[in-house]
Amino acid sequence: MSCMKNFAEKTKFYKFVVWMELPQMKRIHILRKTQNPDAEKLIAFQMAQRDEVDVILIQDAVFLKCDVFSSRVWACKEDVEARNITHHGNTLNYAEIVKRIMDANSVACW
């Protein structure tokens, strides 16, 4: 049992490393919560590699201010409206979010 667990952990790790090392990619990070320390670290790392990094805030993550990341940040329009938030200038509706996801090389949802 532990052998399978170790294999699963290593496989997960290697997939993560391969995903991190893709060069000059258009990447999208979809954040669902206000606390995402691992996502913030990875986004900062990818931005340092000069990748095109977009952040889409959905659900409770729309409470984050747009300047949390120094990359392009959008909030889900429907989630912003449902929570009566007024500080988000950049919003996308569901169709626009799907289009951006389809145009991206990699997508991570946190």
Protein backbone atom coordinates (compact mmCIF):
# COMPACT_ATOMS: atom_id res chain seq x y z
CA MET A 1 0.00 0.00 0.00
CA SER A 2 2.75 2.47 0.89
CA CYS A 3 4.57 1.62 -2.35
CA MET A 4 1.52 2.70 -4.36
CA LYS A 5 1.17 5.82 -2.25
CA ASN A 6 4.82 6.74 -2.88
CA PHE A 7 4.38 6.13 -6.60
CA ALA A 8 1.29 8.32 -6.68
CA GLU A 9 3.09 11.11 -4.82
CA LYS A 10 6.11 10.92 -7.11
CA THR A 11 3.93 10.89 -10.21
CA LYS A 12 2.04 13.91 -8.95
CA PHE A 13 5.32 15.70 -8.21
CA TYR A 14 6.83 14.93 -11.62
CA LYS A 15 3.71 16.10 -13.42
CA PHE A 16 3.91 19.35 -11.43
CA VAL A 17 7.61 19.84 -12.28
CA VAL A 18 7.03 19.16 -15.98
CA TRP A 19 4.12 21.61 -15.93
CA MET A 20 6.33 24.24 -14.26
CA GLU A 21 9.15 23.88 -16.77
CA LEU A 22 7.20 24.48 -19.97
CA PRO A 23 8.94 27.47 -21.60
CA GLN A 24 7.26 30.73 -22.60
CA MET A 25 3.72 29.57 -22.17
CA LYS A 26 0.41 31.32 -21.85
CA ARG A 27 -0.71 30.22 -18.41
CA ILE A 28 -3.95 30.79 -16.54
CA HIS A 29 -4.42 30.41 -12.82
CA ILE A 30 -8.00 30.26 -11.59
CA LEU A 31 -8.24 31.15 -7.92
CA ARG A 32 -11.32 30.15 -5.91
CA LYS A 33 -10.28 31.15 -2.39
CA THR A 34 -8.72 34.21 -0.80
CA GLN A 35 -5.84 32.22 0.73
CA ASN A 36 -3.64 30.61 -1.95
CA PRO A 37 0.02 30.66 -0.80
CA ASP A 38 1.12 27.86 -3.16
CA ALA A 39 -0.59 29.53 -6.09
CA GLU A 40 1.02 32.86 -5.27
CA LYS A 41 4.48 31.26 -5.17
CA LEU A 42 3.98 29.47 -8.48
CA ILE A 43 2.55 32.56 -10.18
CA ALA A 44 5.54 34.62 -8.99
CA PHE A 45 7.91 31.91 -10.25
CA GLN A 46 6.28 31.77 -13.68
CA MET A 47 6.21 35.55 -13.95
CA ALA A 48 9.96 35.60 -13.19
CA GLN A 49 10.39 33.26 -16.17
CA ARG A 50 8.61 35.90 -18.27
CA ASP A 51 5.69 33.64 -19.05
CA GLU A 52 2.37 35.21 -19.92
CA VAL A 53 0.49 34.64 -16.69
CA ASP A 54 -3.19 35.49 -16.29
CA VAL A 55 -5.13 35.19 -13.04
CA ILE A 56 -8.89 34.70 -13.00
CA LEU A 57 -10.65 35.17 -9.68
CA ILE A 58 -13.85 33.21 -9.10
CA GLN A 59 -16.04 32.40 -6.10
CA ASP A 60 -14.63 33.95 -2.88
CA ALA A 61 -11.33 34.92 -4.55
CA VAL A 62 -13.14 37.92 -6.04
CA PHE A 63 -12.68 39.54 -2.61
CA LEU A 64 -8.95 39.85 -3.41
CA LYS A 65 -7.84 43.23 -4.64
CA CYS A 66 -6.68 43.37 -8.25
CA ASP A 67 -3.14 44.38 -7.27
CA VAL A 68 -2.42 41.17 -5.36
CA PHE A 69 -0.52 39.87 -8.40
CA SER A 70 1.44 42.06 -10.77
CA SER A 71 0.09 40.22 -13.77
CA ARG A 72 -3.18 40.46 -15.61
CA VAL A 73 -6.03 39.81 -13.20
CA TRP A 74 -9.70 39.39 -13.99
CA ALA A 75 -12.66 38.57 -11.79
CA CYS A 76 -15.72 36.56 -12.75
CA LYS A 77 -18.42 39.14 -13.42
CA GLU A 78 -21.22 36.95 -12.06
CA ASP A 79 -19.33 36.30 -8.79
CA VAL A 80 -18.52 39.99 -8.37
CA GLU A 81 -22.16 40.92 -8.86
CA ALA A 82 -23.41 38.16 -6.55
CA ARG A 83 -21.15 39.48 -3.76
CA ASN A 84 -21.91 43.19 -4.43
CA ILE A 85 -18.24 44.04 -4.94
CA THR A 86 -17.41 47.32 -6.62
CA HIS A 87 -13.59 47.43 -6.63
CA HIS A 88 -12.99 45.13 -9.61
CA GLY A 89 -12.46 46.98 -12.86
CA ASN A 90 -11.48 43.95 -14.93
CA THR A 91 -14.25 41.37 -15.16
CA LEU A 92 -15.04 38.50 -17.48
CA ASN A 93 -18.32 36.69 -17.98
CA TYR A 94 -18.44 32.89 -18.18
CA ALA A 95 -18.12 32.79 -21.98
CA GLU A 96 -15.02 35.01 -21.87
CA ILE A 97 -13.48 32.83 -19.17
CA VAL A 98 -14.04 29.70 -21.27
CA LYS A 99 -12.47 31.38 -24.31
CA ARG A 100 -9.37 32.34 -22.32
CA ILE A 101 -9.10 28.80 -20.94
CA MET A 102 -9.31 27.32 -24.43
CA ASP A 103 -6.62 29.71 -25.72
CA ALA A 104 -4.19 28.95 -22.87
CA ASN A 105 -1.35 26.44 -22.95
CA SER A 106 -1.88 25.45 -19.34
CA VAL A 107 -4.56 26.06 -16.72
CA ALA A 108 -4.41 25.52 -12.97
CA CYS A 109 -7.38 25.85 -10.65
CA TRP A 110 -6.59 26.48 -7.00
